[in-house]
């Protein structure tokens, strides 16, 4: 039986899809939905022509190069000017500047960003920013959501004792696999000590023949690859912490270290210290007033969340708490991009 969380997730996805379709239909009929906002920052992860199975737990993180190209085309058709994220705060702070902008950002430093996304950006002369977690680059930190996905998709019988749960789970159906992923994800997300929870998940995976750091090695760019990509004048790089930790769960000293040392490491990889930052996870329970202030204190000119929304006239005054709009693998339609740029889906969420 599907988990209650899986059913809620499915219902949420369908509700979002219905909202996007409704907005797209309204725009098609010429309803006056012109948005006065200042633009958008898009959040991406994977860009790969081979889309994962749509039931895979992390499928939403991957879009195709074709859809990325469509998103760029829509932005240009709507009059948005592509710029690098690091240049955005200065533009927003200029009271004489009423233009609308678009920034493309990609989290975690996946290899497919260089292989498949960069050529699209180059073809359209669009700047892009990749946020780098140094623990991934240096192969010292596992990507726990990838570890959990590999575990549930490759294993039929899971002994959870190494995860601190005295039970064994048999999984055969897709719904059961997704339910186990949800269980593991909740254990990490809800843990008071995220490091301990991830270590337990890594041990669980290892007990079933899965090497978490090999997954990191396979998916993410190393220092040499980042240096090569830095030769692209359109490529920009931002910090994404040392360990991809939920920063609300760390003490003040580690919070500063995760930000400042991450920027220093990224500077070492690409030859220039980054001035932008992305909060890991980025949702409300992972970014608070303390973290926003810390990013400002660390000297970042811009820091992005994953709180959905467009840029407003006041965004420049909160440059270390900027919203982003996800380009989601479940909604890869050109009309959906135009719907997102209208701003209506975000206003509907608030009603």
C-alpha atoms as a PDB file:
ATOM      1  CA  UNK A   1       0.000   0.000   0.000  1.00  0.00           C
ATOM      2  CA  UNK A   2       1.271   3.498  -0.785  1.00  0.00           C
ATOM      3  CA  UNK A   3       2.318   5.525   2.253  1.00  0.00           C
ATOM      4  CA  UNK A   4       0.123   8.418   3.357  1.00  0.00           C
ATOM      5  CA  UNK A   5       3.018  10.734   2.557  1.00  0.00           C
ATOM      6  CA  UNK A   6       3.264   9.301  -0.977  1.00  0.00           C
ATOM      7  CA  UNK A   7      -0.454   9.877  -1.514  1.00  0.00           C
ATOM      8  CA  UNK A   8      -0.179  13.437  -0.223  1.00  0.00           C
ATOM      9  CA  UNK A   9       2.809  14.043  -2.496  1.00  0.00           C
ATOM     10  CA  UNK A  10       0.924  12.739  -5.519  1.00  0.00           C
ATOM     11  CA  UNK A  11      -2.067  14.916  -4.697  1.00  0.00           C
ATOM     12  CA  UNK A  12       0.199  17.949  -4.308  1.00  0.00           C
ATOM     13  CA  UNK A  13       1.853  17.314  -7.664  1.00  0.00           C
ATOM     14  CA  UNK A  14      -1.508  17.067  -9.386  1.00  0.00           C
ATOM     15  CA  UNK A  15      -2.731  20.238  -7.692  1.00  0.00           C
ATOM     16  CA  UNK A  16       0.372  22.105  -8.876  1.00  0.00           C
ATOM     17  CA  UNK A  17      -0.079  20.731 -12.374  1.00  0.00           C
ATOM     18  CA  UNK A  18      -3.721  21.842 -12.398  1.00  0.00           C
ATOM     19  CA  UNK A  19      -2.678  25.329 -11.300  1.00  0.00           C
ATOM     20  CA  UNK A  20      -0.070  25.558 -14.039  1.00  0.00           C
ATOM     21  CA  UNK A  21      -2.497  24.319 -16.670  1.00  0.00           C
ATOM     22  CA  UNK A  22      -5.153  26.762 -15.515  1.00  0.00           C
ATOM     23  CA  UNK A  23      -2.731  29.669 -15.613  1.00  0.00           C
ATOM     24  CA  UNK A  24      -1.418  28.628 -19.029  1.00  0.00           C
ATOM     25  CA  UNK A  25      -4.978  28.441 -20.348  1.00  0.00           C
ATOM     26  CA  UNK A  26      -5.788  31.897 -18.966  1.00  0.00           C
ATOM     27  CA  UNK A  27      -2.682  33.335 -20.606  1.00  0.00           C
ATOM     28  CA  UNK A  28      -3.583  31.646 -23.880  1.00  0.00           C
ATOM     29  CA  UNK A  29      -6.959  33.389 -23.837  1.00  0.00           C
ATOM     30  CA  UNK A  30      -5.262  36.740 -23.284  1.00  0.00           C
ATOM     31  CA  UNK A  31      -6.400  37.447 -19.743  1.00  0.00           C
ATOM     32  CA  UNK A  32      -4.538  40.403 -18.201  1.00  0.00           C
ATOM     33  CA  UNK A  33      -2.049  38.541 -16.004  1.00  0.00           C
ATOM     34  CA  UNK A  34       0.953  40.755 -16.727  1.00  0.00           C
ATOM     35  CA  UNK A  35       3.179  40.658 -13.696  1.00  0.00           C
ATOM     36  CA  UNK A  36       4.951  43.812 -12.492  1.00  0.00           C
ATOM     37  CA  UNK A  37       7.679  41.854 -10.712  1.00  0.00           C
ATOM     38  CA  UNK A  38      11.383  42.304 -11.439  1.00  0.00           C
ATOM     39  CA  UNK A  39      12.078  38.830 -12.758  1.00  0.00           C
ATOM     40  CA  UNK A  40      12.999  35.367 -11.556  1.00  0.00           C
ATOM     41  CA  UNK A  41      15.842  33.189 -10.298  1.00  0.00           C
ATOM     42  CA  UNK A  42      15.453  29.636 -11.551  1.00  0.00           C
ATOM     43  CA  UNK A  43      16.712  26.688  -9.486  1.00  0.00           C
ATOM     44  CA  UNK A  44      17.926  23.553 -11.274  1.00  0.00           C
ATOM     45  CA  UNK A  45      19.815  20.418 -10.295  1.00  0.00           C
ATOM     46  CA  UNK A  46      20.287  17.819 -13.039  1.00  0.00           C
ATOM     47  CA  UNK A  47      20.106  18.554 -16.776  1.00  0.00           C
ATOM     48  CA  UNK A  48      20.157  15.267 -18.649  1.00  0.00           C
ATOM     49  CA  UNK A  49      18.498  14.020 -21.856  1.00  0.00           C
ATOM     50  CA  UNK A  50      17.849  10.665 -20.183  1.00  0.00           C
ATOM     51  CA  UNK A  51      15.056  11.413 -17.745  1.00  0.00           C
ATOM     52  CA  UNK A  52      14.775   9.057 -14.770  1.00  0.00           C
ATOM     53  CA  UNK A  53      11.708   6.912 -14.239  1.00  0.00           C
ATOM     54  CA  UNK A  54       8.917   9.262 -13.230  1.00  0.00           C
ATOM     55  CA  UNK A  55       8.272   7.253 -10.057  1.00  0.00           C
ATOM     56  CA  UNK A  56      11.888   7.468  -8.885  1.00  0.00           C
ATOM     57  CA  UNK A  57      12.039   9.446  -5.616  1.00  0.00           C
ATOM     58  CA  UNK A  58      14.407  12.108  -6.996  1.00  0.00           C
ATOM     59  CA  UNK A  59      12.932  12.342 -10.504  1.00  0.00           C
ATOM     60  CA  UNK A  60      11.750  15.892  -9.878  1.00  0.00           C
ATOM     61  CA  UNK A  61      15.388  17.049  -9.689  1.00  0.00           C
ATOM     62  CA  UNK A  62      16.118  16.313 -13.361  1.00  0.00           C
ATOM     63  CA  UNK A  63      15.098  18.207 -16.503  1.00  0.00           C
ATOM     64  CA  UNK A  64      16.120  17.689 -20.111  1.00  0.00           C
ATOM     65  CA  UNK A  65      18.334  20.057 -22.130  1.00  0.00           C
ATOM     66  CA  UNK A  66      15.356  20.577 -24.448  1.00  0.00           C
ATOM     67  CA  UNK A  67      13.233  21.884 -21.596  1.00  0.00           C
ATOM     68  CA  UNK A  68      16.057  24.128 -20.391  1.00  0.00           C
ATOM     69  CA  UNK A  69      16.251  25.567 -23.896  1.00  0.00           C
ATOM     70  CA  UNK A  70      12.502  26.148 -23.899  1.00  0.00           C
ATOM     71  CA  UNK A  71      12.722  27.948 -20.561  1.00  0.00           C
ATOM     72  CA  UNK A  72      15.418  30.272 -21.918  1.00  0.00           C
ATOM     73  CA  UNK A  73      13.321  30.945 -25.035  1.00  0.00           C
ATOM     74  CA  UNK A  74      10.248  31.828 -22.973  1.00  0.00           C
ATOM     75  CA  UNK A  75      12.245  34.209 -20.795  1.00  0.00           C
ATOM     76  CA  UNK A  76      13.606  36.024 -23.827  1.00  0.00           C
ATOM     77  CA  UNK A  77      10.152  36.140 -25.441  1.00  0.00           C
ATOM     78  CA  UNK A  78       8.796  37.716 -22.253  1.00  0.00           C
ATOM     79  CA  UNK A  79      11.531  40.357 -22.296  1.00  0.00           C
ATOM     80  CA  UNK A  80      13.610  39.108 -19.364  1.00  0.00           C
ATOM     81  CA  UNK A  81      17.332  39.860 -19.531  1.00  0.00           C
ATOM     82  CA  UNK A  82      19.648  36.993 -18.548  1.00  0.00           C
ATOM     83  CA  UNK A  83      22.347  38.044 -16.073  1.00  0.00           C
ATOM     84  CA  UNK A  84      24.648  36.366 -13.576  1.00  0.00           C
ATOM     85  CA  UNK A  85      23.259  36.118 -10.054  1.00  0.00           C
ATOM     86  CA  UNK A  86      26.191  38.081  -8.628  1.00  0.00           C
ATOM     87  CA  UNK A  87      25.160  41.090 -10.735  1.00  0.00           C
ATOM     88  CA  UNK A  88      21.508  41.011  -9.695  1.00  0.00           C
ATOM     89  CA  UNK A  89      21.564  42.956  -6.388  1.00  0.00           C
ATOM     90  CA  UNK A  90      23.189  45.998  -8.001  1.00  0.00           C
ATOM     91  CA  UNK A  91      20.582  46.010 -10.766  1.00  0.00           C
ATOM     92  CA  UNK A  92      17.710  45.723  -8.297  1.00  0.00           C
ATOM     93  CA  UNK A  93      19.138  48.499  -6.143  1.00  0.00           C
ATOM     94  CA  UNK A  94      19.112  50.998  -9.025  1.00  0.00           C
ATOM     95  CA  UNK A  95      15.837  52.960  -8.797  1.00  0.00           C
ATOM     96  CA  UNK A  96      16.204  54.010 -12.427  1.00  0.00           C
ATOM     97  CA  UNK A  97      16.370  50.407 -13.627  1.00  0.00           C
ATOM     98  CA  UNK A  98      12.924  48.957 -14.308  1.00  0.00           C
ATOM     99  CA  UNK A  99      14.033  46.057 -16.486  1.00  0.00           C
ATOM    100  CA  UNK A 100      13.189  42.457 -15.654  1.00  0.00           C
ATOM    101  CA  UNK A 101      15.910  39.873 -15.197  1.00  0.00           C
ATOM    102  CA  UNK A 102      16.370  36.116 -15.154  1.00  0.00           C
ATOM    103  CA  UNK A 103      19.136  34.205 -13.396  1.00  0.00           C
ATOM    104  CA  UNK A 104      19.782  30.493 -13.887  1.00  0.00           C
ATOM    105  CA  UNK A 105      21.272  28.620 -10.938  1.00  0.00           C
ATOM    106  CA  UNK A 106      22.178  24.955 -10.512  1.00  0.00           C
ATOM    107  CA  UNK A 107      22.765  23.288  -7.148  1.00  0.00           C
ATOM    108  CA  UNK A 108      25.353  20.689  -6.055  1.00  0.00           C
ATOM    109  CA  UNK A 109      27.781  20.642  -8.995  1.00  0.00           C
ATOM    110  CA  UNK A 110      26.585  17.612 -10.944  1.00  0.00           C
ATOM    111  CA  UNK A 111      28.645  16.448 -13.914  1.00  0.00           C
ATOM    112  CA  UNK A 112      25.679  16.739 -16.252  1.00  0.00           C
ATOM    113  CA  UNK A 113      25.703  20.516 -15.657  1.00  0.00           C
ATOM    114  CA  UNK A 114      28.933  20.744 -17.655  1.00  0.00           C
ATOM    115  CA  UNK A 115      28.048  18.066 -20.185  1.00  0.00           C
ATOM    116  CA  UNK A 116      24.475  19.009 -21.057  1.00  0.00           C
ATOM    117  CA  UNK A 117      23.483  22.335 -19.458  1.00  0.00           C
ATOM    118  CA  UNK A 118      26.567  24.406 -20.318  1.00  0.00           C
ATOM    119  CA  UNK A 119      26.204  23.894 -24.100  1.00  0.00           C
ATOM    120  CA  UNK A 120      22.606  25.149 -23.930  1.00  0.00           C
ATOM    121  CA  UNK A 121      23.633  28.250 -21.994  1.00  0.00           C
ATOM    122  CA  UNK A 122      26.507  28.829 -24.417  1.00  0.00           C
ATOM    123  CA  UNK A 123      24.235  28.523 -27.429  1.00  0.00           C
ATOM    124  CA  UNK A 124      21.994  31.262 -26.039  1.00  0.00           C
ATOM    125  CA  UNK A 125      24.765  33.373 -24.423  1.00  0.00           C
ATOM    126  CA  UNK A 126      23.123  33.002 -20.990  1.00  0.00           C
ATOM    127  CA  UNK A 127      25.194  33.280 -17.776  1.00  0.00           C
ATOM    128  CA  UNK A 128      24.682  30.569 -15.177  1.00  0.00           C
ATOM    129  CA  UNK A 129      25.764  29.933 -11.593  1.00  0.00           C
ATOM    130  CA  UNK A 130      26.617  26.513 -10.166  1.00  0.00           C
ATOM    131  CA  UNK A 131      26.590  26.172  -6.378  1.00  0.00           C
ATOM    132  CA  UNK A 132      29.335  23.879  -5.118  1.00  0.00           C
ATOM    133  CA  UNK A 133      29.405  21.727  -1.977  1.00  0.00           C
ATOM    134  CA  UNK A 134      33.080  21.065  -1.298  1.00  0.00           C
ATOM    135  CA  UNK A 135      32.360  17.798   0.516  1.00  0.00           C
ATOM    136  CA  UNK A 136      30.998  16.454  -2.760  1.00  0.00           C
ATOM    137  CA  UNK A 137      33.969  17.739  -4.775  1.00  0.00           C
ATOM    138  CA  UNK A 138      36.448  16.186  -2.348  1.00  0.00           C
ATOM    139  CA  UNK A 139      34.449  12.941  -1.962  1.00  0.00           C
ATOM    140  CA  UNK A 140      34.148  13.282   1.816  1.00  0.00           C
ATOM    141  CA  UNK A 141      30.362  13.696   1.976  1.00  0.00           C
ATOM    142  CA  UNK A 142      27.687  11.424   0.585  1.00  0.00           C
ATOM    143  CA  UNK A 143      24.628  12.744  -1.215  1.00  0.00           C
ATOM    144  CA  UNK A 144      22.187  11.097   1.135  1.00  0.00           C
ATOM    145  CA  UNK A 145      19.062  11.445  -1.025  1.00  0.00           C
ATOM    146  CA  UNK A 146      20.911   9.681  -3.859  1.00  0.00           C
ATOM    147  CA  UNK A 147      22.095   6.970  -1.462  1.00  0.00           C
ATOM    148  CA  UNK A 148      18.542   6.408  -0.264  1.00  0.00           C
ATOM    149  CA  UNK A 149      17.228   6.250  -3.832  1.00  0.00           C
ATOM    150  CA  UNK A 150      19.839   3.685  -4.900  1.00  0.00           C
ATOM    151  CA  UNK A 151      19.045   1.604  -1.847  1.00  0.00           C
ATOM    152  CA  UNK A 152      15.296   1.420  -2.431  1.00  0.00           C
ATOM    153  CA  UNK A 153      15.580   0.922  -6.191  1.00  0.00           C
ATOM    154  CA  UNK A 154      18.294  -1.756  -6.124  1.00  0.00           C
ATOM    155  CA  UNK A 155      17.338  -3.790  -3.052  1.00  0.00           C
ATOM    156  CA  UNK A 156      14.326  -6.008  -2.379  1.00  0.00           C
ATOM    157  CA  UNK A 157      15.001  -6.815   1.251  1.00  0.00           C
ATOM    158  CA  UNK A 158      16.310  -4.122   3.604  1.00  0.00           C
ATOM    159  CA  UNK A 159      17.540  -4.748   7.139  1.00  0.00           C
ATOM    160  CA  UNK A 160      17.035  -1.458   8.957  1.00  0.00           C
ATOM    161  CA  UNK A 161      18.900  -2.472  12.105  1.00  0.00           C
ATOM    162  CA  UNK A 162      22.028  -0.527  11.066  1.00  0.00           C
ATOM    163  CA  UNK A 163      19.772   2.507  10.731  1.00  0.00           C
ATOM    164  CA  UNK A 164      18.686   2.187  14.329  1.00  0.00           C
ATOM    165  CA  UNK A 165      15.360   0.511  13.550  1.00  0.00           C
ATOM    166  CA  UNK A 166      14.906  -3.099  14.653  1.00  0.00           C
ATOM    167  CA  UNK A 167      13.043  -4.376  11.614  1.00  0.00           C
ATOM    168  CA  UNK A 168      13.480  -5.857   8.158  1.00  0.00           C
ATOM    169  CA  UNK A 169      11.470  -4.541   5.186  1.00  0.00           C
ATOM    170  CA  UNK A 170      10.573  -6.495   2.070  1.00  0.00           C
ATOM    171  CA  UNK A 171       9.941  -4.242  -0.918  1.00  0.00           C
ATOM    172  CA  UNK A 172       8.689  -5.419  -4.271  1.00  0.00           C
ATOM    173  CA  UNK A 173       6.172  -2.868  -5.544  1.00  0.00           C
ATOM    174  CA  UNK A 174       7.054   0.660  -6.641  1.00  0.00           C
ATOM    175  CA  UNK A 175       4.821   2.160  -3.975  1.00  0.00           C
ATOM    176  CA  UNK A 176       6.679   0.201  -1.302  1.00  0.00           C
ATOM    177  CA  UNK A 177      10.009   1.496  -2.578  1.00  0.00           C
ATOM    178  CA  UNK A 178       8.810   5.080  -2.518  1.00  0.00           C
ATOM    179  CA  UNK A 179       7.366   4.543   0.965  1.00  0.00           C
ATOM    180  CA  UNK A 180      10.733   3.287   2.230  1.00  0.00           C
ATOM    181  CA  UNK A 181      12.492   6.254   0.641  1.00  0.00           C
ATOM    182  CA  UNK A 182      10.063   8.554   2.445  1.00  0.00           C
ATOM    183  CA  UNK A 183      10.817   6.771   5.712  1.00  0.00           C
ATOM    184  CA  UNK A 184      14.559   7.164   5.262  1.00  0.00           C
ATOM    185  CA  UNK A 185      14.246  10.783   4.122  1.00  0.00           C
ATOM    186  CA  UNK A 186      12.085  11.643   7.122  1.00  0.00           C
ATOM    187  CA  UNK A 187      14.646  10.056   9.434  1.00  0.00           C
ATOM    188  CA  UNK A 188      17.361  12.324   8.019  1.00  0.00           C
ATOM    189  CA  UNK A 189      15.251  15.456   7.771  1.00  0.00           C
ATOM    190  CA  UNK A 190      13.758  15.079  11.257  1.00  0.00           C
ATOM    191  CA  UNK A 191      16.987  14.101  13.005  1.00  0.00           C
ATOM    192  CA  UNK A 192      18.360  16.546  15.547  1.00  0.00           C
ATOM    193  CA  UNK A 193      21.852  15.550  14.422  1.00  0.00           C
ATOM    194  CA  UNK A 194      21.840  15.317  10.621  1.00  0.00           C
ATOM    195  CA  UNK A 195      25.447  14.071  10.473  1.00  0.00           C
ATOM    196  CA  UNK A 196      24.606  11.054  12.623  1.00  0.00           C
ATOM    197  CA  UNK A 197      21.519  10.246  10.566  1.00  0.00           C
ATOM    198  CA  UNK A 198      23.474  10.408   7.303  1.00  0.00           C
ATOM    199  CA  UNK A 199      26.233   8.218   8.761  1.00  0.00           C
ATOM    200  CA  UNK A 200      23.597   5.633   9.701  1.00  0.00           C
ATOM    201  CA  UNK A 201      22.120   5.756   6.211  1.00  0.00           C
ATOM    202  CA  UNK A 202      25.583   5.320   4.707  1.00  0.00           C
ATOM    203  CA  UNK A 203      26.143   2.280   6.933  1.00  0.00           C
ATOM    204  CA  UNK A 204      22.782   0.856   5.931  1.00  0.00           C
ATOM    205  CA  UNK A 205      23.623   1.282   2.261  1.00  0.00           C
ATOM    206  CA  UNK A 206      27.071  -0.271   2.724  1.00  0.00           C
ATOM    207  CA  UNK A 207      25.488  -3.281   4.422  1.00  0.00           C
ATOM    208  CA  UNK A 208      23.513  -3.814   1.204  1.00  0.00           C
ATOM    209  CA  UNK A 209      26.478  -3.456  -1.137  1.00  0.00           C
ATOM    210  CA  UNK A 210      26.096   0.237  -2.004  1.00  0.00           C
ATOM    211  CA  UNK A 211      29.039   2.652  -1.696  1.00  0.00           C
ATOM    212  CA  UNK A 212      27.662   6.149  -0.916  1.00  0.00           C
ATOM    213  CA  UNK A 213      30.884   7.973  -1.791  1.00  0.00           C
ATOM    214  CA  UNK A 214      31.071   6.118  -5.108  1.00  0.00           C
ATOM    215  CA  UNK A 215      27.686   7.672  -5.896  1.00  0.00           C
ATOM    216  CA  UNK A 216      29.121  11.107  -5.088  1.00  0.00           C
ATOM    217  CA  UNK A 217      32.131  10.354  -7.301  1.00  0.00           C
ATOM    218  CA  UNK A 218      29.929   9.261 -10.178  1.00  0.00           C
ATOM    219  CA  UNK A 219      27.540  12.212 -10.076  1.00  0.00           C
ATOM    220  CA  UNK A 220      29.510  15.318  -9.163  1.00  0.00           C
ATOM    221  CA  UNK A 221      32.400  17.252 -10.685  1.00  0.00           C
ATOM    222  CA  UNK A 222      35.843  17.107  -9.101  1.00  0.00           C
ATOM    223  CA  UNK A 223      38.251  20.031  -8.734  1.00  0.00           C
ATOM    224  CA  UNK A 224      39.839  19.465 -12.148  1.00  0.00           C
ATOM    225  CA  UNK A 225      36.477  19.436 -13.910  1.00  0.00           C
ATOM    226  CA  UNK A 226      35.387  22.601 -12.127  1.00  0.00           C
ATOM    227  CA  UNK A 227      38.598  24.351 -13.166  1.00  0.00           C
ATOM    228  CA  UNK A 228      37.975  23.331 -16.775  1.00  0.00           C
ATOM    229  CA  UNK A 229      34.391  24.608 -16.676  1.00  0.00           C
ATOM    230  CA  UNK A 230      35.581  27.891 -15.136  1.00  0.00           C
ATOM    231  CA  UNK A 231      37.222  28.674 -18.486  1.00  0.00           C
ATOM    232  CA  UNK A 232      33.708  29.311 -19.828  1.00  0.00           C
ATOM    233  CA  UNK A 233      33.100  33.083 -19.394  1.00  0.00           C
ATOM    234  CA  UNK A 234      29.395  32.400 -18.881  1.00  0.00           C
ATOM    235  CA  UNK A 235      30.053  30.037 -15.954  1.00  0.00           C
ATOM    236  CA  UNK A 236      29.878  31.453 -12.443  1.00  0.00           C
ATOM    237  CA  UNK A 237      30.239  29.595  -9.178  1.00  0.00           C
ATOM    238  CA  UNK A 238      28.740  29.996  -5.742  1.00  0.00           C
ATOM    239  CA  UNK A 239      29.237  28.403  -2.340  1.00  0.00           C
ATOM    240  CA  UNK A 240      26.878  25.696  -1.088  1.00  0.00           C
ATOM    241  CA  UNK A 241      28.538  24.853   2.269  1.00  0.00           C
ATOM    242  CA  UNK A 242      31.144  22.239   3.129  1.00  0.00           C
ATOM    243  CA  UNK A 243      28.728  19.399   3.909  1.00  0.00           C
ATOM    244  CA  UNK A 244      25.269  20.359   2.585  1.00  0.00           C
ATOM    245  CA  UNK A 245      24.012  20.532   6.164  1.00  0.00           C
ATOM    246  CA  UNK A 246      20.694  21.945   7.292  1.00  0.00           C
ATOM    247  CA  UNK A 247      22.190  25.133   8.694  1.00  0.00           C
ATOM    248  CA  UNK A 248      19.409  25.708  11.220  1.00  0.00           C
ATOM    249  CA  UNK A 249      20.655  22.601  13.061  1.00  0.00           C
ATOM    250  CA  UNK A 250      24.299  23.638  13.497  1.00  0.00           C
ATOM    251  CA  UNK A 251      25.830  25.942  16.091  1.00  0.00           C
ATOM    252  CA  UNK A 252      27.055  29.453  15.337  1.00  0.00           C
ATOM    253  CA  UNK A 253      30.689  28.442  14.885  1.00  0.00           C
ATOM    254  CA  UNK A 254      29.907  25.700  12.400  1.00  0.00           C
ATOM    255  CA  UNK A 255      27.453  27.969  10.580  1.00  0.00           C
ATOM    256  CA  UNK A 256      30.244  30.475   9.955  1.00  0.00           C
ATOM    257  CA  UNK A 257      32.669  27.725   8.944  1.00  0.00           C
ATOM    258  CA  UNK A 258      30.215  26.124   6.525  1.00  0.00           C
ATOM    259  CA  UNK A 259      29.809  29.446   4.738  1.00  0.00           C
ATOM    260  CA  UNK A 260      33.256  31.049   4.893  1.00  0.00           C
ATOM    261  CA  UNK A 261      35.344  27.923   4.339  1.00  0.00           C
ATOM    262  CA  UNK A 262      33.025  26.765   1.568  1.00  0.00           C
ATOM    263  CA  UNK A 263      33.635  30.006  -0.299  1.00  0.00           C
ATOM    264  CA  UNK A 264      37.377  29.628   0.177  1.00  0.00           C
ATOM    265  CA  UNK A 265      37.334  26.057  -1.146  1.00  0.00           C
ATOM    266  CA  UNK A 266      35.296  27.003  -4.194  1.00  0.00           C
ATOM    267  CA  UNK A 267      37.693  29.858  -4.866  1.00  0.00           C
ATOM    268  CA  UNK A 268      40.505  27.345  -4.847  1.00  0.00           C
ATOM    269  CA  UNK A 269      38.766  25.144  -7.399  1.00  0.00           C
ATOM    270  CA  UNK A 270      37.806  27.842  -9.907  1.00  0.00           C
ATOM    271  CA  UNK A 271      40.342  30.609  -9.295  1.00  0.00           C
ATOM    272  CA  UNK A 272      37.983  33.255  -7.906  1.00  0.00           C
ATOM    273  CA  UNK A 273      36.283  33.491  -4.524  1.00  0.00           C
ATOM    274  CA  UNK A 274      32.500  33.322  -4.971  1.00  0.00           C
ATOM    275  CA  UNK A 275      30.237  36.135  -3.862  1.00  0.00           C
ATOM    276  CA  UNK A 276      26.989  34.147  -3.993  1.00  0.00           C
ATOM    277  CA  UNK A 277      25.606  31.386  -1.780  1.00  0.00           C
ATOM    278  CA  UNK A 278      22.781  28.834  -1.836  1.00  0.00           C
ATOM    279  CA  UNK A 279      21.338  27.521   1.419  1.00  0.00           C
ATOM    280  CA  UNK A 280      21.190  23.704   1.446  1.00  0.00           C
ATOM    281  CA  UNK A 281      17.566  22.582   1.045  1.00  0.00           C
ATOM    282  CA  UNK A 282      16.540  26.231   1.109  1.00  0.00           C
ATOM    283  CA  UNK A 283      13.029  25.799   2.469  1.00  0.00           C
ATOM    284  CA  UNK A 284      11.656  27.595   5.515  1.00  0.00           C
ATOM    285  CA  UNK A 285      12.815  25.046   8.103  1.00  0.00           C
ATOM    286  CA  UNK A 286      16.377  25.164   6.714  1.00  0.00           C
ATOM    287  CA  UNK A 287      16.778  28.961   6.428  1.00  0.00           C
ATOM    288  CA  UNK A 288      15.978  31.415   9.194  1.00  0.00           C
ATOM    289  CA  UNK A 289      16.911  34.920  10.298  1.00  0.00           C
ATOM    290  CA  UNK A 290      20.187  33.707  11.832  1.00  0.00           C
ATOM    291  CA  UNK A 291      21.303  32.024   8.610  1.00  0.00           C
ATOM    292  CA  UNK A 292      20.321  34.994   6.465  1.00  0.00           C
ATOM    293  CA  UNK A 293      22.301  37.338   8.710  1.00  0.00           C
ATOM    294  CA  UNK A 294      25.277  34.955   8.658  1.00  0.00           C
ATOM    295  CA  UNK A 295      25.343  34.956   4.854  1.00  0.00           C
ATOM    296  CA  UNK A 296      25.384  38.739   4.883  1.00  0.00           C
ATOM    297  CA  UNK A 297      28.155  38.759   7.511  1.00  0.00           C
ATOM    298  CA  UNK A 298      30.169  36.278   5.425  1.00  0.00           C
ATOM    299  CA  UNK A 299      30.235  38.844   2.632  1.00  0.00           C
ATOM    300  CA  UNK A 300      27.931  37.244   0.087  1.00  0.00           C
ATOM    301  CA  UNK A 301      26.242  39.812  -2.157  1.00  0.00           C
ATOM    302  CA  UNK A 302      23.404  37.380  -2.884  1.00  0.00           C
ATOM    303  CA  UNK A 303      22.120  34.209  -1.251  1.00  0.00           C
ATOM    304  CA  UNK A 304      19.237  32.110  -2.534  1.00  0.00           C
ATOM    305  CA  UNK A 305      16.596  29.989  -0.861  1.00  0.00           C
ATOM    306  CA  UNK A 306      14.112  27.605  -2.458  1.00  0.00           C
ATOM    307  CA  UNK A 307      11.134  29.574  -1.195  1.00  0.00           C
ATOM    308  CA  UNK A 308       9.020  29.935  -4.344  1.00  0.00           C
ATOM    309  CA  UNK A 309       8.370  33.357  -5.759  1.00  0.00           C
ATOM    310  CA  UNK A 310       9.410  36.017  -8.242  1.00  0.00           C
ATOM    311  CA  UNK A 311      11.713  38.945  -7.612  1.00  0.00           C
ATOM    312  CA  UNK A 312      10.015  42.089  -6.358  1.00  0.00           C
ATOM    313  CA  UNK A 313      10.966  45.742  -6.119  1.00  0.00           C
ATOM    314  CA  UNK A 314      12.123  45.090  -2.544  1.00  0.00           C
ATOM    315  CA  UNK A 315      14.194  41.975  -3.264  1.00  0.00           C
ATOM    316  CA  UNK A 316      17.376  44.026  -3.453  1.00  0.00           C
ATOM    317  CA  UNK A 317      16.923  44.939   0.215  1.00  0.00           C
ATOM    318  CA  UNK A 318      16.888  41.254   1.159  1.00  0.00           C
ATOM    319  CA  UNK A 319      19.637  40.034  -1.146  1.00  0.00           C
ATOM    320  CA  UNK A 320      20.661  37.183   1.172  1.00  0.00           C
ATOM    321  CA  UNK A 321      17.136  35.776   1.266  1.00  0.00           C
ATOM    322  CA  UNK A 322      16.178  35.651  -2.397  1.00  0.00           C
ATOM    323  CA  UNK A 323      13.370  33.371  -3.622  1.00  0.00           C
ATOM    324  CA  UNK A 324      13.794  30.926  -6.483  1.00  0.00           C
ATOM    325  CA  UNK A 325      11.489  29.074  -8.847  1.00  0.00           C
ATOM    326  CA  UNK A 326      12.237  25.402  -9.423  1.00  0.00           C
ATOM    327  CA  UNK A 327      12.404  24.036 -12.943  1.00  0.00           C
ATOM    328  CA  UNK A 328      10.892  20.730 -11.934  1.00  0.00           C
ATOM    329  CA  UNK A 329      11.213  17.441 -13.792  1.00  0.00           C
ATOM    330  CA  UNK A 330       7.505  16.751 -13.320  1.00  0.00           C
ATOM    331  CA  UNK A 331       6.414  19.909 -15.133  1.00  0.00           C
ATOM    332  CA  UNK A 332       8.495  20.080 -18.306  1.00  0.00           C
ATOM    333  CA  UNK A 333       6.196  22.090 -20.566  1.00  0.00           C
ATOM    334  CA  UNK A 334       6.989  25.392 -22.220  1.00  0.00           C
ATOM    335  CA  UNK A 335       3.565  26.743 -21.284  1.00  0.00           C
ATOM    336  CA  UNK A 336       4.328  26.022 -17.628  1.00  0.00           C
ATOM    337  CA  UNK A 337       7.359  28.306 -17.735  1.00  0.00           C
ATOM    338  CA  UNK A 338       5.222  31.139 -19.036  1.00  0.00           C
ATOM    339  CA  UNK A 339       2.681  30.385 -16.317  1.00  0.00           C
ATOM    340  CA  UNK A 340       5.374  30.612 -13.645  1.00  0.00           C
ATOM    341  CA  UNK A 341       6.610  33.934 -15.015  1.00  0.00           C
ATOM    342  CA  UNK A 342       3.105  35.367 -14.683  1.00  0.00           C
ATOM    343  CA  UNK A 343       3.397  35.040 -10.920  1.00  0.00           C
ATOM    344  CA  UNK A 344      -0.170  33.785 -10.596  1.00  0.00           C
ATOM    345  CA  UNK A 345       0.700  30.290  -9.257  1.00  0.00           C
ATOM    346  CA  UNK A 346       2.537  31.895  -6.324  1.00  0.00           C
ATOM    347  CA  UNK A 347      -0.318  34.271  -5.573  1.00  0.00           C
ATOM    348  CA  UNK A 348      -2.700  31.316  -5.565  1.00  0.00           C
ATOM    349  CA  UNK A 349      -0.498  29.526  -3.002  1.00  0.00           C
ATOM    350  CA  UNK A 350      -0.945  32.473  -0.650  1.00  0.00           C
ATOM    351  CA  UNK A 351      -4.735  32.587  -0.833  1.00  0.00           C
END
